[in-house]
Structure formats: structure tokens, C-alpha cells
Amino acid sequence: MGQVTKVKKYLKREQWSALISDCQSSGMTVTAWCKQNSICEQTYYRNLRKLREEACGSFPLPAQSDKPAVFKQLQLKQPVSDGKAAILIHLPYATLEVHNGACRETLEAVLATLKSTC
């Protein structure tokens, strides 16, 4: 890729970055903003996707493990008073209930495991 092409691509990316930022801070819907600025909505979303993909490419990916996540039933240090979960998370493959009285370490372990599997 030639130097002129690189500069042209950089300037176009910067221009779209500014346009998208303007749209998002305008308080308008994307449809209304695009119409007001004579921009095709498909072009807006295509450039938004490209910018997001570039941004995602610059973040380091976490190390992937070949080992599947292992869940262990944890015992609460305090008994649950009303039997109702304080937090209920429904996932496609599991349901997680966190009751009042769950210790911080338990919550951190569960959330870390969820983060590594999602």
C-alpha cells in the first residue's frame, strides 16, 4: 500500500470518527442525524463497524485455556433469611442465584469464572 493511500485511509478514518462522535453526542437518533447530514444510514453503520473492529483489534485478547470451566457449589457463611435471591442471572446454559449474605470472595470467584467463559 502506497504512502498516499495510507494517508487517505487515515484521513477518512479520522473524518468518520468525528462524524460518528458528532452523531452520538447530538441526542438524535441515527436515522434523524443521517437524514439531517445527508449521509446514507448504511454507510454510517458500515463505518461504525469498521472503527469498532479496528478498536477491538488493538486490545490484547485474554489467554485462552483448553480446560473447560469447572463450577463448584459454594457454601454460604451465613444462612439465607428469606430464600429469595438478591441477584438472579439467566444465561443460555445456566442460571446463577446470589443470595444475601454471600461473601465478597464468593462473588468475585463466580464473576471471574463467568467472565472467562462468556
PDB file of N, CA and C in Angstrom:
ATOM      1  N   MET A   1       0.853  -1.176   0.000  1.00  0.00           N
ATOM      2  CA  MET A   1       0.000   0.000   0.000  1.00  0.00           C
ATOM      3  C   MET A   1       0.897   1.237   0.000  1.00  0.00           C
ATOM      4  N   GLY A   2       0.631   2.138  -0.939  1.00  0.00           N
ATOM      5  CA  GLY A   2       1.437   3.337  -1.084  1.00  0.00           C
ATOM      6  C   GLY A   2       1.192   4.334   0.033  1.00  0.00           C
ATOM      7  N   GLN A   3       2.115   5.281   0.160  1.00  0.00           N
ATOM      8  CA  GLN A   3       2.038   6.286   1.223  1.00  0.00           C
ATOM      9  C   GLN A   3       0.785   7.150   1.080  1.00  0.00           C
ATOM     10  N   VAL A   4       0.438   7.524  -0.158  1.00  0.00           N
ATOM     11  CA  VAL A   4      -0.736   8.366  -0.393  1.00  0.00           C
ATOM     12  C   VAL A   4      -2.000   7.620   0.028  1.00  0.00           C
ATOM     13  N   THR A   5      -2.064   6.335  -0.296  1.00  0.00           N
ATOM     14  CA  THR A   5      -3.229   5.526   0.071  1.00  0.00           C
ATOM     15  C   THR A   5      -3.351   5.410   1.584  1.00  0.00           C
ATOM     16  N   LYS A   6      -2.235   5.252   2.275  1.00  0.00           N
ATOM     17  CA  LYS A   6      -2.248   5.172   3.735  1.00  0.00           C
ATOM     18  C   LYS A   6      -2.756   6.465   4.360  1.00  0.00           C
ATOM     19  N   VAL A   7      -2.286   7.593   3.840  1.00  0.00           N
ATOM     20  CA  VAL A   7      -2.714   8.891   4.361  1.00  0.00           C
ATOM     21  C   VAL A   7      -4.195   9.101   4.085  1.00  0.00           C
ATOM     22  N   LYS A   8      -4.629   8.737   2.885  1.00  0.00           N
ATOM     23  CA  LYS A   8      -6.041   8.882   2.522  1.00  0.00           C
ATOM     24  C   LYS A   8      -6.925   8.033   3.434  1.00  0.00           C
ATOM     25  N   LYS A   9      -6.496   6.798   3.699  1.00  0.00           N
ATOM     26  CA  LYS A   9      -7.250   5.906   4.583  1.00  0.00           C
ATOM     27  C   LYS A   9      -7.295   6.471   6.004  1.00  0.00           C
ATOM     28  N   TYR A  10      -6.176   6.995   6.480  1.00  0.00           N
ATOM     29  CA  TYR A  10      -6.109   7.584   7.821  1.00  0.00           C
ATOM     30  C   TYR A  10      -7.057   8.779   7.935  1.00  0.00           C
ATOM     31  N   LEU A  11      -7.022   9.665   6.938  1.00  0.00           N
ATOM     32  CA  LEU A  11      -7.887  10.845   6.973  1.00  0.00           C
ATOM     33  C   LEU A  11      -9.362  10.464   6.926  1.00  0.00           C
ATOM     34  N   LYS A  12      -9.704   9.466   6.127  1.00  0.00           N
ATOM     35  CA  LYS A  12     -11.095   9.013   6.052  1.00  0.00           C
ATOM     36  C   LYS A  12     -11.535   8.436   7.393  1.00  0.00           C
ATOM     37  N   ARG A  13     -10.661   7.664   8.040  1.00  0.00           N
ATOM     38  CA  ARG A  13     -10.969   7.090   9.347  1.00  0.00           C
ATOM     39  C   ARG A  13     -11.175   8.194  10.381  1.00  0.00           C
ATOM     40  N   GLU A  14     -10.323   9.203  10.365  1.00  0.00           N
ATOM     41  CA  GLU A  14     -10.451  10.322  11.301  1.00  0.00           C
ATOM     42  C   GLU A  14     -11.746  11.097  11.041  1.00  0.00           C
ATOM     43  N   GLN A  15     -12.087  11.289   9.759  1.00  0.00           N
ATOM     44  CA  GLN A  15     -13.311  12.002   9.415  1.00  0.00           C
ATOM     45  C   GLN A  15     -14.530  11.233   9.922  1.00  0.00           C
ATOM     46  N   TRP A  16     -14.556   9.926   9.708  1.00  0.00           N
ATOM     47  CA  TRP A  16     -15.698   9.133  10.163  1.00  0.00           C
ATOM     48  C   TRP A  16     -15.748   9.051  11.680  1.00  0.00           C
ATOM     49  N   SER A  17     -14.606   9.031  12.309  1.00  0.00           N
ATOM     50  CA  SER A  17     -14.575   9.028  13.768  1.00  0.00           C
ATOM     51  C   SER A  17     -15.233  10.292  14.313  1.00  0.00           C
ATOM     52  N   ALA A  18     -14.929  11.433  13.693  1.00  0.00           N
ATOM     53  CA  ALA A  18     -15.527  12.700  14.122  1.00  0.00           C
ATOM     54  C   ALA A  18     -17.024  12.732  13.830  1.00  0.00           C
ATOM     55  N   LEU A  19     -17.433  12.220  12.659  1.00  0.00           N
ATOM     56  CA  LEU A  19     -18.854  12.191  12.305  1.00  0.00           C
ATOM     57  C   LEU A  19     -19.651  11.320  13.275  1.00  0.00           C
ATOM     58  N   ILE A  20     -19.119  10.157  13.583  1.00  0.00           N
ATOM     59  CA  ILE A  20     -19.804   9.233  14.489  1.00  0.00           C
ATOM     60  C   ILE A  20     -19.886   9.828  15.887  1.00  0.00           C
ATOM     61  N   SER A  21     -18.820  10.461  16.325  1.00  0.00           N
ATOM     62  CA  SER A  21     -18.834  11.121  17.629  1.00  0.00           C
ATOM     63  C   SER A  21     -19.879  12.229  17.655  1.00  0.00           C
ATOM     64  N   ASP A  22     -19.961  12.997  16.584  1.00  0.00           N
ATOM     65  CA  ASP A  22     -20.957  14.062  16.483  1.00  0.00           C
ATOM     66  C   ASP A  22     -22.370  13.487  16.550  1.00  0.00           C
ATOM     67  N   CYS A  23     -22.606  12.407  15.829  1.00  0.00           N
ATOM     68  CA  CYS A  23     -23.928  11.766  15.838  1.00  0.00           C
ATOM     69  C   CYS A  23     -24.290  11.283  17.239  1.00  0.00           C
ATOM     70  N   GLN A  24     -23.355  10.617  17.886  1.00  0.00           N
ATOM     71  CA  GLN A  24     -23.634  10.048  19.199  1.00  0.00           C
ATOM     72  C   GLN A  24     -23.835  11.109  20.267  1.00  0.00           C
ATOM     73  N   SER A  25     -23.232  12.265  20.097  1.00  0.00           N
ATOM     74  CA  SER A  25     -23.391  13.323  21.094  1.00  0.00           C
ATOM     75  C   SER A  25     -24.533  14.280  20.746  1.00  0.00           C
ATOM     76  N   SER A  26     -25.166  14.088  19.601  1.00  0.00           N
ATOM     77  CA  SER A  26     -26.211  15.006  19.152  1.00  0.00           C
ATOM     78  C   SER A  26     -27.529  14.837  19.902  1.00  0.00           C
ATOM     79  N   GLY A  27     -27.739  13.657  20.491  1.00  0.00           N
ATOM     80  CA  GLY A  27     -29.009  13.386  21.152  1.00  0.00           C
ATOM     81  C   GLY A  27     -30.100  12.965  20.172  1.00  0.00           C
ATOM     82  N   MET A  28     -29.751  12.901  18.899  1.00  0.00           N
ATOM     83  CA  MET A  28     -30.709  12.499  17.869  1.00  0.00           C
ATOM     84  C   MET A  28     -30.582  11.003  17.602  1.00  0.00           C
ATOM     85  N   THR A  29     -31.597  10.442  16.979  1.00  0.00           N
ATOM     86  CA  THR A  29     -31.474   9.059  16.524  1.00  0.00           C
ATOM     87  C   THR A  29     -30.519   9.047  15.340  1.00  0.00           C
ATOM     88  N   VAL A  30     -29.933   7.888  15.067  1.00  0.00           N
ATOM     89  CA  VAL A  30     -29.014   7.774  13.939  1.00  0.00           C
ATOM     90  C   VAL A  30     -29.747   8.104  12.637  1.00  0.00           C
ATOM     91  N   THR A  31     -30.982   7.611  12.521  1.00  0.00           N
ATOM     92  CA  THR A  31     -31.765   7.872  11.307  1.00  0.00           C
ATOM     93  C   THR A  31     -31.960   9.373  11.089  1.00  0.00           C
ATOM     94  N   ALA A  32     -32.377  10.083  12.125  1.00  0.00           N
ATOM     95  CA  ALA A  32     -32.608  11.528  12.009  1.00  0.00           C
ATOM     96  C   ALA A  32     -31.307  12.271  11.730  1.00  0.00           C
ATOM     97  N   TRP A  33     -30.241  11.902  12.421  1.00  0.00           N
ATOM     98  CA  TRP A  33     -28.953  12.569  12.223  1.00  0.00           C
ATOM     99  C   TRP A  33     -28.442  12.358  10.814  1.00  0.00           C
ATOM    100  N   CYS A  34     -28.525  11.127  10.321  1.00  0.00           N
ATOM    101  CA  CYS A  34     -28.062  10.830   8.963  1.00  0.00           C
ATOM    102  C   CYS A  34     -28.873  11.617   7.930  1.00  0.00           C
ATOM    103  N   LYS A  35     -30.168  11.680   8.139  1.00  0.00           N
ATOM    104  CA  LYS A  35     -31.028  12.423   7.214  1.00  0.00           C
ATOM    105  C   LYS A  35     -30.651  13.910   7.220  1.00  0.00           C
ATOM    106  N   GLN A  36     -30.453  14.461   8.407  1.00  0.00           N
ATOM    107  CA  GLN A  36     -30.094  15.884   8.536  1.00  0.00           C
ATOM    108  C   GLN A  36     -28.748  16.179   7.878  1.00  0.00           C
ATOM    109  N   ASN A  37     -27.825  15.216   7.933  1.00  0.00           N
ATOM    110  CA  ASN A  37     -26.470  15.428   7.406  1.00  0.00           C
ATOM    111  C   ASN A  37     -26.252  14.817   6.023  1.00  0.00           C
ATOM    112  N   SER A  38     -27.344  14.361   5.396  1.00  0.00           N
ATOM    113  CA  SER A  38     -27.293  13.781   4.042  1.00  0.00           C
ATOM    114  C   SER A  38     -26.288  12.633   3.950  1.00  0.00           C
ATOM    115  N   ILE A  39     -26.337  11.761   4.945  1.00  0.00           N
ATOM    116  CA  ILE A  39     -25.465  10.594   4.978  1.00  0.00           C
ATOM    117  C   ILE A  39     -26.342   9.353   4.929  1.00  0.00           C
ATOM    118  N   CYS A  40     -25.976   8.414   4.078  1.00  0.00           N
ATOM    119  CA  CYS A  40     -26.715   7.157   3.992  1.00  0.00           C
ATOM    120  C   CYS A  40     -26.522   6.392   5.307  1.00  0.00           C
ATOM    121  N   GLU A  41     -27.623   5.939   5.875  1.00  0.00           N
ATOM    122  CA  GLU A  41     -27.562   5.245   7.162  1.00  0.00           C
ATOM    123  C   GLU A  41     -26.703   3.980   7.079  1.00  0.00           C
ATOM    124  N   GLN A  42     -26.760   3.280   5.946  1.00  0.00           N
ATOM    125  CA  GLN A  42     -25.934   2.069   5.772  1.00  0.00           C
ATOM    126  C   GLN A  42     -24.447   2.428   5.784  1.00  0.00           C
ATOM    127  N   THR A  43     -24.104   3.552   5.180  1.00  0.00           N
ATOM    128  CA  THR A  43     -22.709   3.999   5.162  1.00  0.00           C
ATOM    129  C   THR A  43     -22.250   4.339   6.575  1.00  0.00           C
ATOM    130  N   TYR A  44     -23.126   4.992   7.341  1.00  0.00           N
ATOM    131  CA  TYR A  44     -22.815   5.312   8.736  1.00  0.00           C
ATOM    132  C   TYR A  44     -22.497   4.028   9.510  1.00  0.00           C
ATOM    133  N   TYR A  45     -23.402   3.049   9.435  1.00  0.00           N
ATOM    134  CA  TYR A  45     -23.211   1.821  10.199  1.00  0.00           C
ATOM    135  C   TYR A  45     -22.007   1.010   9.701  1.00  0.00           C
ATOM    136  N   ARG A  46     -21.738   1.039   8.386  1.00  0.00           N
ATOM    137  CA  ARG A  46     -20.577   0.319   7.865  1.00  0.00           C
ATOM    138  C   ARG A  46     -19.292   0.917   8.442  1.00  0.00           C
ATOM    139  N   ASN A  47     -19.211   2.246   8.464  1.00  0.00           N
ATOM    140  CA  ASN A  47     -18.014   2.896   9.014  1.00  0.00           C
ATOM    141  C   ASN A  47     -17.924   2.737  10.526  1.00  0.00           C
ATOM    142  N   LEU A  48     -19.057   2.739  11.209  1.00  0.00           N
ATOM    143  CA  LEU A  48     -19.059   2.475  12.646  1.00  0.00           C
ATOM    144  C   LEU A  48     -18.510   1.080  12.929  1.00  0.00           C
ATOM    145  N   ARG A  49     -18.953   0.096  12.138  1.00  0.00           N
ATOM    146  CA  ARG A  49     -18.458  -1.275  12.309  1.00  0.00           C
ATOM    147  C   ARG A  49     -16.948  -1.343  12.077  1.00  0.00           C
ATOM    148  N   LYS A  50     -16.461  -0.684  11.028  1.00  0.00           N
ATOM    149  CA  LYS A  50     -15.024  -0.695  10.732  1.00  0.00           C
ATOM    150  C   LYS A  50     -14.215  -0.096  11.882  1.00  0.00           C
ATOM    151  N   LEU A  51     -14.699   1.029  12.415  1.00  0.00           N
ATOM    152  CA  LEU A  51     -13.979   1.665  13.530  1.00  0.00           C
ATOM    153  C   LEU A  51     -13.984   0.774  14.767  1.00  0.00           C
ATOM    154  N   ARG A  52     -15.113   0.127  15.032  1.00  0.00           N
ATOM    155  CA  ARG A  52     -15.173  -0.778  16.190  1.00  0.00           C
ATOM    156  C   ARG A  52     -14.257  -1.976  16.002  1.00  0.00           C
ATOM    157  N   GLU A  53     -14.214  -2.526  14.783  1.00  0.00           N
ATOM    158  CA  GLU A  53     -13.323  -3.659  14.521  1.00  0.00           C
ATOM    159  C   GLU A  53     -11.859  -3.272  14.703  1.00  0.00           C
ATOM    160  N   GLU A  54     -11.499  -2.076  14.234  1.00  0.00           N
ATOM    161  CA  GLU A  54     -10.130  -1.596  14.439  1.00  0.00           C
ATOM    162  C   GLU A  54      -9.819  -1.432  15.925  1.00  0.00           C
ATOM    163  N   ALA A  55     -10.786  -0.883  16.667  1.00  0.00           N
ATOM    164  CA  ALA A  55     -10.586  -0.697  18.102  1.00  0.00           C
ATOM    165  C   ALA A  55     -10.437  -2.038  18.808  1.00  0.00           C
ATOM    166  N   CYS A  56     -11.263  -3.003  18.417  1.00  0.00           N
ATOM    167  CA  CYS A  56     -11.172  -4.328  19.037  1.00  0.00           C
ATOM    168  C   CYS A  56      -9.842  -5.002  18.716  1.00  0.00           C
ATOM    169  N   GLY A  57      -9.333  -4.749  17.530  1.00  0.00           N
ATOM    170  CA  GLY A  57      -8.059  -5.340  17.132  1.00  0.00           C
ATOM    171  C   GLY A  57      -6.877  -4.812  17.921  1.00  0.00           C
ATOM    172  N   SER A  58      -7.026  -3.642  18.530  1.00  0.00           N
ATOM    173  CA  SER A  58      -5.917  -3.063  19.280  1.00  0.00           C
ATOM    174  C   SER A  58      -5.877  -3.524  20.735  1.00  0.00           C
ATOM    175  N   PHE A  59      -6.932  -4.208  21.197  1.00  0.00           N
ATOM    176  CA  PHE A  59      -6.956  -4.709  22.568  1.00  0.00           C
ATOM    177  C   PHE A  59      -6.348  -6.109  22.610  1.00  0.00           C
ATOM    178  N   PRO A  60      -5.496  -6.375  23.592  1.00  0.00           N
ATOM    179  CA  PRO A  60      -4.945  -7.737  23.701  1.00  0.00           C
ATOM    180  C   PRO A  60      -6.036  -8.709  24.153  1.00  0.00           C
ATOM    181  N   LEU A  61      -6.056  -9.862  23.535  1.00  0.00           N
ATOM    182  CA  LEU A  61      -7.037 -10.878  23.908  1.00  0.00           C
ATOM    183  C   LEU A  61      -6.546 -11.627  25.143  1.00  0.00           C
ATOM    184  N   PRO A  62      -7.473 -12.013  26.028  1.00  0.00           N
ATOM    185  CA  PRO A  62      -7.052 -12.798  27.191  1.00  0.00           C
ATOM    186  C   PRO A  62      -6.577 -14.176  26.737  1.00  0.00           C
ATOM    187  N   ALA A  63      -5.696 -14.735  27.514  1.00  0.00           N
ATOM    188  CA  ALA A  63      -5.181 -16.068  27.190  1.00  0.00           C
ATOM    189  C   ALA A  63      -6.322 -17.074  27.240  1.00  0.00           C
ATOM    190  N   GLN A  64      -6.414 -17.891  26.209  1.00  0.00           N
ATOM    191  CA  GLN A  64      -7.462 -18.904  26.143  1.00  0.00           C
ATOM    192  C   GLN A  64      -6.940 -20.197  26.760  1.00  0.00           C
ATOM    193  N   SER A  65      -7.775 -20.819  27.513  1.00  0.00           N
ATOM    194  CA  SER A  65      -7.411 -22.077  28.151  1.00  0.00           C
ATOM    195  C   SER A  65      -8.149 -23.218  27.460  1.00  0.00           C
ATOM    196  N   ASP A  66      -7.468 -24.346  27.305  1.00  0.00           N
ATOM    197  CA  ASP A  66      -8.106 -25.519  26.716  1.00  0.00           C
ATOM    198  C   ASP A  66      -8.990 -26.231  27.726  1.00  0.00           C
ATOM    199  N   LYS A  67      -8.855 -25.865  28.987  1.00  0.00           N
ATOM    200  CA  LYS A  67      -9.631 -26.510  30.034  1.00  0.00           C
ATOM    201  C   LYS A  67     -11.020 -25.877  30.118  1.00  0.00           C
ATOM    202  N   PRO A  68     -12.055 -26.692  30.201  1.00  0.00           N
ATOM    203  CA  PRO A  68     -13.391 -26.120  30.364  1.00  0.00           C
ATOM    204  C   PRO A  68     -13.556 -25.549  31.768  1.00  0.00           C
ATOM    205  N   ALA A  69     -14.460 -24.605  31.898  1.00  0.00           N
ATOM    206  CA  ALA A  69     -14.733 -24.016  33.210  1.00  0.00           C
ATOM    207  C   ALA A  69     -15.342 -25.077  34.112  1.00  0.00           C
ATOM    208  N   VAL A  70     -14.911 -25.082  35.350  1.00  0.00           N
ATOM    209  CA  VAL A  70     -15.430 -26.029  36.327  1.00  0.00           C
ATOM    210  C   VAL A  70     -16.144 -25.221  37.405  1.00  0.00           C
ATOM    211  N   PHE A  71     -17.385 -25.599  37.666  1.00  0.00           N
ATOM    212  CA  PHE A  71     -18.152 -24.909  38.686  1.00  0.00           C
ATOM    213  C   PHE A  71     -18.206 -25.775  39.936  1.00  0.00           C
ATOM    214  N   LYS A  72     -18.146 -25.128  41.070  1.00  0.00           N
ATOM    215  CA  LYS A  72     -18.195 -25.822  42.338  1.00  0.00           C
ATOM    216  C   LYS A  72     -19.272 -25.177  43.184  1.00  0.00           C
ATOM    217  N   GLN A  73     -20.058 -25.991  43.842  1.00  0.00           N
ATOM    218  CA  GLN A  73     -21.082 -25.437  44.715  1.00  0.00           C
ATOM    219  C   GLN A  73     -20.392 -24.878  45.951  1.00  0.00           C
ATOM    220  N   LEU A  74     -20.691 -23.635  46.246  1.00  0.00           N
ATOM    221  CA  LEU A  74     -20.080 -22.971  47.386  1.00  0.00           C
ATOM    222  C   LEU A  74     -21.092 -22.851  48.512  1.00  0.00           C
ATOM    223  N   GLN A  75     -20.627 -23.046  49.725  1.00  0.00           N
ATOM    224  CA  GLN A  75     -21.492 -22.942  50.888  1.00  0.00           C
ATOM    225  C   GLN A  75     -21.464 -21.508  51.408  1.00  0.00           C
ATOM    226  N   LEU A  76     -22.616 -20.988  51.746  1.00  0.00           N
ATOM    227  CA  LEU A  76     -22.700 -19.642  52.306  1.00  0.00           C
ATOM    228  C   LEU A  76     -22.248 -19.658  53.756  1.00  0.00           C
ATOM    229  N   LYS A  77     -21.589 -18.597  54.167  1.00  0.00           N
ATOM    230  CA  LYS A  77     -21.141 -18.492  55.549  1.00  0.00           C
ATOM    231  C   LYS A  77     -22.298 -18.113  56.469  1.00  0.00           C
ATOM    232  N   GLN A  78     -23.314 -17.441  55.911  1.00  0.00           N
ATOM    233  CA  GLN A  78     -24.471 -17.045  56.699  1.00  0.00           C
ATOM    234  C   GLN A  78     -25.711 -17.655  56.059  1.00  0.00           C
ATOM    235  N   PRO A  79     -26.661 -18.073  56.854  1.00  0.00           N
ATOM    236  CA  PRO A  79     -27.876 -18.627  56.259  1.00  0.00           C
ATOM    237  C   PRO A  79     -28.689 -17.544  55.557  1.00  0.00           C
ATOM    238  N   VAL A  80     -29.395 -17.954  54.519  1.00  0.00           N
ATOM    239  CA  VAL A  80     -30.249 -17.039  53.778  1.00  0.00           C
ATOM    240  C   VAL A  80     -31.534 -16.848  54.563  1.00  0.00           C
ATOM    241  N   SER A  81     -31.935 -15.585  54.724  1.00  0.00           N
ATOM    242  CA  SER A  81     -33.070 -15.304  55.584  1.00  0.00           C
ATOM    243  C   SER A  81     -34.419 -15.519  54.913  1.00  0.00           C
ATOM    244  N   ASP A  82     -34.628 -15.027  53.698  1.00  0.00           N
ATOM    245  CA  ASP A  82     -35.952 -15.108  53.099  1.00  0.00           C
ATOM    246  C   ASP A  82     -36.054 -16.102  51.951  1.00  0.00           C
ATOM    247  N   GLY A  83     -34.964 -16.691  51.522  1.00  0.00           N
ATOM    248  CA  GLY A  83     -34.994 -17.677  50.451  1.00  0.00           C
ATOM    249  C   GLY A  83     -35.059 -17.070  49.058  1.00  0.00           C
ATOM    250  N   LYS A  84     -35.202 -15.760  48.947  1.00  0.00           N
ATOM    251  CA  LYS A  84     -35.227 -15.110  47.649  1.00  0.00           C
ATOM    252  C   LYS A  84     -33.819 -14.655  47.278  1.00  0.00           C
ATOM    253  N   ALA A  85     -33.478 -14.842  46.017  1.00  0.00           N
ATOM    254  CA  ALA A  85     -32.160 -14.429  45.553  1.00  0.00           C
ATOM    255  C   ALA A  85     -32.092 -12.910  45.463  1.00  0.00           C
ATOM    256  N   ALA A  86     -30.960 -12.353  45.892  1.00  0.00           N
ATOM    257  CA  ALA A  86     -30.745 -10.919  45.764  1.00  0.00           C
ATOM    258  C   ALA A  86     -30.387 -10.584  44.316  1.00  0.00           C
ATOM    259  N   ILE A  87     -29.687 -11.497  43.649  1.00  0.00           N
ATOM    260  CA  ILE A  87     -29.305 -11.344  42.254  1.00  0.00           C
ATOM    261  C   ILE A  87     -29.625 -12.650  41.542  1.00  0.00           C
ATOM    262  N   LEU A  88     -30.246 -12.550  40.379  1.00  0.00           N
ATOM    263  CA  LEU A  88     -30.593 -13.728  39.585  1.00  0.00           C
ATOM    264  C   LEU A  88     -30.139 -13.464  38.162  1.00  0.00           C
ATOM    265  N   ILE A  89     -29.218 -14.282  37.651  1.00  0.00           N
ATOM    266  CA  ILE A  89     -28.683 -14.103  36.307  1.00  0.00           C
ATOM    267  C   ILE A  89     -29.060 -15.337  35.487  1.00  0.00           C
ATOM    268  N   HIS A  90     -29.786 -15.116  34.393  1.00  0.00           N
ATOM    269  CA  HIS A  90     -30.163 -16.205  33.495  1.00  0.00           C
ATOM    270  C   HIS A  90     -29.237 -16.173  32.285  1.00  0.00           C
ATOM    271  N   LEU A  91     -28.539 -17.253  32.063  1.00  0.00           N
ATOM    272  CA  LEU A  91     -27.688 -17.420  30.891  1.00  0.00           C
ATOM    273  C   LEU A  91     -28.286 -18.524  30.032  1.00  0.00           C
ATOM    274  N   PRO A  92     -27.886 -18.616  28.783  1.00  0.00           N
ATOM    275  CA  PRO A  92     -28.454 -19.671  27.938  1.00  0.00           C
ATOM    276  C   PRO A  92     -28.174 -21.080  28.462  1.00  0.00           C
ATOM    277  N   TYR A  93     -27.096 -21.228  29.200  1.00  0.00           N
ATOM    278  CA  TYR A  93     -26.691 -22.554  29.643  1.00  0.00           C
ATOM    279  C   TYR A  93     -26.752 -22.744  31.153  1.00  0.00           C
ATOM    280  N   ALA A  94     -27.137 -21.726  31.890  1.00  0.00           N
ATOM    281  CA  ALA A  94     -27.181 -21.853  33.352  1.00  0.00           C
ATOM    282  C   ALA A  94     -27.947 -20.686  33.966  1.00  0.00           C
ATOM    283  N   THR A  95     -28.339 -20.871  35.215  1.00  0.00           N
ATOM    284  CA  THR A  95     -28.948 -19.803  35.995  1.00  0.00           C
ATOM    285  C   THR A  95     -28.117 -19.643  37.259  1.00  0.00           C
ATOM    286  N   LEU A  96     -27.810 -18.418  37.586  1.00  0.00           N
ATOM    287  CA  LEU A  96     -26.983 -18.120  38.751  1.00  0.00           C
ATOM    288  C   LEU A  96     -27.807 -17.323  39.740  1.00  0.00           C
ATOM    289  N   GLU A  97     -27.890 -17.801  40.974  1.00  0.00           N
ATOM    290  CA  GLU A  97     -28.581 -17.092  42.044  1.00  0.00           C
ATOM    291  C   GLU A  97     -27.566 -16.692  43.096  1.00  0.00           C
ATOM    292  N   VAL A  98     -27.594 -15.434  43.470  1.00  0.00           N
ATOM    293  CA  VAL A  98     -26.732 -14.942  44.546  1.00  0.00           C
ATOM    294  C   VAL A  98     -27.658 -14.443  45.647  1.00  0.00           C
ATOM    295  N   HIS A  99     -27.538 -15.028  46.813  1.00  0.00           N
ATOM    296  CA  HIS A  99     -28.399 -14.677  47.939  1.00  0.00           C
ATOM    297  C   HIS A  99     -27.714 -13.664  48.853  1.00  0.00           C
ATOM    298  N   ASN A 100     -28.511 -12.937  49.592  1.00  0.00           N
ATOM    299  CA  ASN A 100     -27.961 -12.031  50.594  1.00  0.00           C
ATOM    300  C   ASN A 100     -27.082 -12.841  51.540  1.00  0.00           C
ATOM    301  N   GLY A 101     -25.974 -12.278  51.901  1.00  0.00           N
ATOM    302  CA  GLY A 101     -25.071 -12.963  52.812  1.00  0.00           C
ATOM    303  C   GLY A 101     -23.913 -13.642  52.101  1.00  0.00           C
ATOM    304  N   ALA A 102     -23.931 -13.673  50.773  1.00  0.00           N
ATOM    305  CA  ALA A 102     -22.810 -14.272  50.039  1.00  0.00           C
ATOM    306  C   ALA A 102     -21.587 -13.392  50.251  1.00  0.00           C
ATOM    307  N   CYS A 103     -20.463 -14.002  50.534  1.00  0.00           N
ATOM    308  CA  CYS A 103     -19.261 -13.210  50.826  1.00  0.00           C
ATOM    309  C   CYS A 103     -18.642 -12.668  49.532  1.00  0.00           C
ATOM    310  N   ARG A 104     -17.857 -11.664  49.691  1.00  0.00           N
ATOM    311  CA  ARG A 104     -17.228 -10.988  48.552  1.00  0.00           C
ATOM    312  C   ARG A 104     -16.365 -11.954  47.740  1.00  0.00           C
ATOM    313  N   GLU A 105     -15.619 -12.800  48.406  1.00  0.00           N
ATOM    314  CA  GLU A 105     -14.747 -13.748  47.724  1.00  0.00           C
ATOM    315  C   GLU A 105     -15.551 -14.679  46.825  1.00  0.00           C
ATOM    316  N   THR A 106     -16.724 -15.106  47.317  1.00  0.00           N
ATOM    317  CA  THR A 106     -17.590 -15.978  46.522  1.00  0.00           C
ATOM    318  C   THR A 106     -18.046 -15.250  45.266  1.00  0.00           C
ATOM    319  N   LEU A 107     -18.513 -14.014  45.429  1.00  0.00           N
ATOM    320  CA  LEU A 107     -18.970 -13.237  44.275  1.00  0.00           C
ATOM    321  C   LEU A 107     -17.834 -13.014  43.280  1.00  0.00           C
ATOM    322  N   GLU A 108     -16.653 -12.681  43.761  1.00  0.00           N
ATOM    323  CA  GLU A 108     -15.519 -12.453  42.876  1.00  0.00           C
ATOM    324  C   GLU A 108     -15.157 -13.729  42.113  1.00  0.00           C
ATOM    325  N   ALA A 109     -15.181 -14.875  42.782  1.00  0.00           N
ATOM    326  CA  ALA A 109     -14.857 -16.143  42.122  1.00  0.00           C
ATOM    327  C   ALA A 109     -15.886 -16.481  41.051  1.00  0.00           C
ATOM    328  N   VAL A 110     -17.161 -16.286  41.366  1.00  0.00           N
ATOM    329  CA  VAL A 110     -18.225 -16.578  40.397  1.00  0.00           C
ATOM    330  C   VAL A 110     -18.129 -15.646  39.201  1.00  0.00           C
ATOM    331  N   LEU A 111     -17.942 -14.342  39.442  1.00  0.00           N
ATOM    332  CA  LEU A 111     -17.871 -13.387  38.347  1.00  0.00           C
ATOM    333  C   LEU A 111     -16.624 -13.616  37.478  1.00  0.00           C
ATOM    334  N   ALA A 112     -15.521 -13.987  38.101  1.00  0.00           N
ATOM    335  CA  ALA A 112     -14.306 -14.277  37.319  1.00  0.00           C
ATOM    336  C   ALA A 112     -14.525 -15.489  36.430  1.00  0.00           C
ATOM    337  N   THR A 113     -15.193 -16.510  36.952  1.00  0.00           N
ATOM    338  CA  THR A 113     -15.484 -17.694  36.163  1.00  0.00           C
ATOM    339  C   THR A 113     -16.423 -17.363  35.016  1.00  0.00           C
ATOM    340  N   LEU A 114     -17.456 -16.568  35.273  1.00  0.00           N
ATOM    341  CA  LEU A 114     -18.372 -16.162  34.217  1.00  0.00           C
ATOM    342  C   LEU A 114     -17.655 -15.356  33.153  1.00  0.00           C
ATOM    343  N   LYS A 115     -16.792 -14.466  33.586  1.00  0.00           N
ATOM    344  CA  LYS A 115     -16.050 -13.625  32.640  1.00  0.00           C
ATOM    345  C   LYS A 115     -15.164 -14.470  31.727  1.00  0.00           C
ATOM    346  N   SER A 116     -14.555 -15.497  32.255  1.00  0.00           N
ATOM    347  CA  SER A 116     -13.672 -16.335  31.463  1.00  0.00           C
ATOM    348  C   SER A 116     -14.434 -17.263  30.510  1.00  0.00           C
ATOM    349  N   THR A 117     -15.717 -17.499  30.786  1.00  0.00           N
ATOM    350  CA  THR A 117     -16.487 -18.384  29.928  1.00  0.00           C
ATOM    351  C   THR A 117     -17.355 -17.643  28.929  1.00  0.00           C
ATOM    352  N   CYS A 118     -17.638 -16.378  29.182  1.00  0.00           N
ATOM    353  CA  CYS A 118     -18.533 -15.622  28.284  1.00  0.00           C
ATOM    354  C   CYS A 118     -17.756 -14.872  27.221  1.00  0.00           C
TER     355      CYS A 118
END
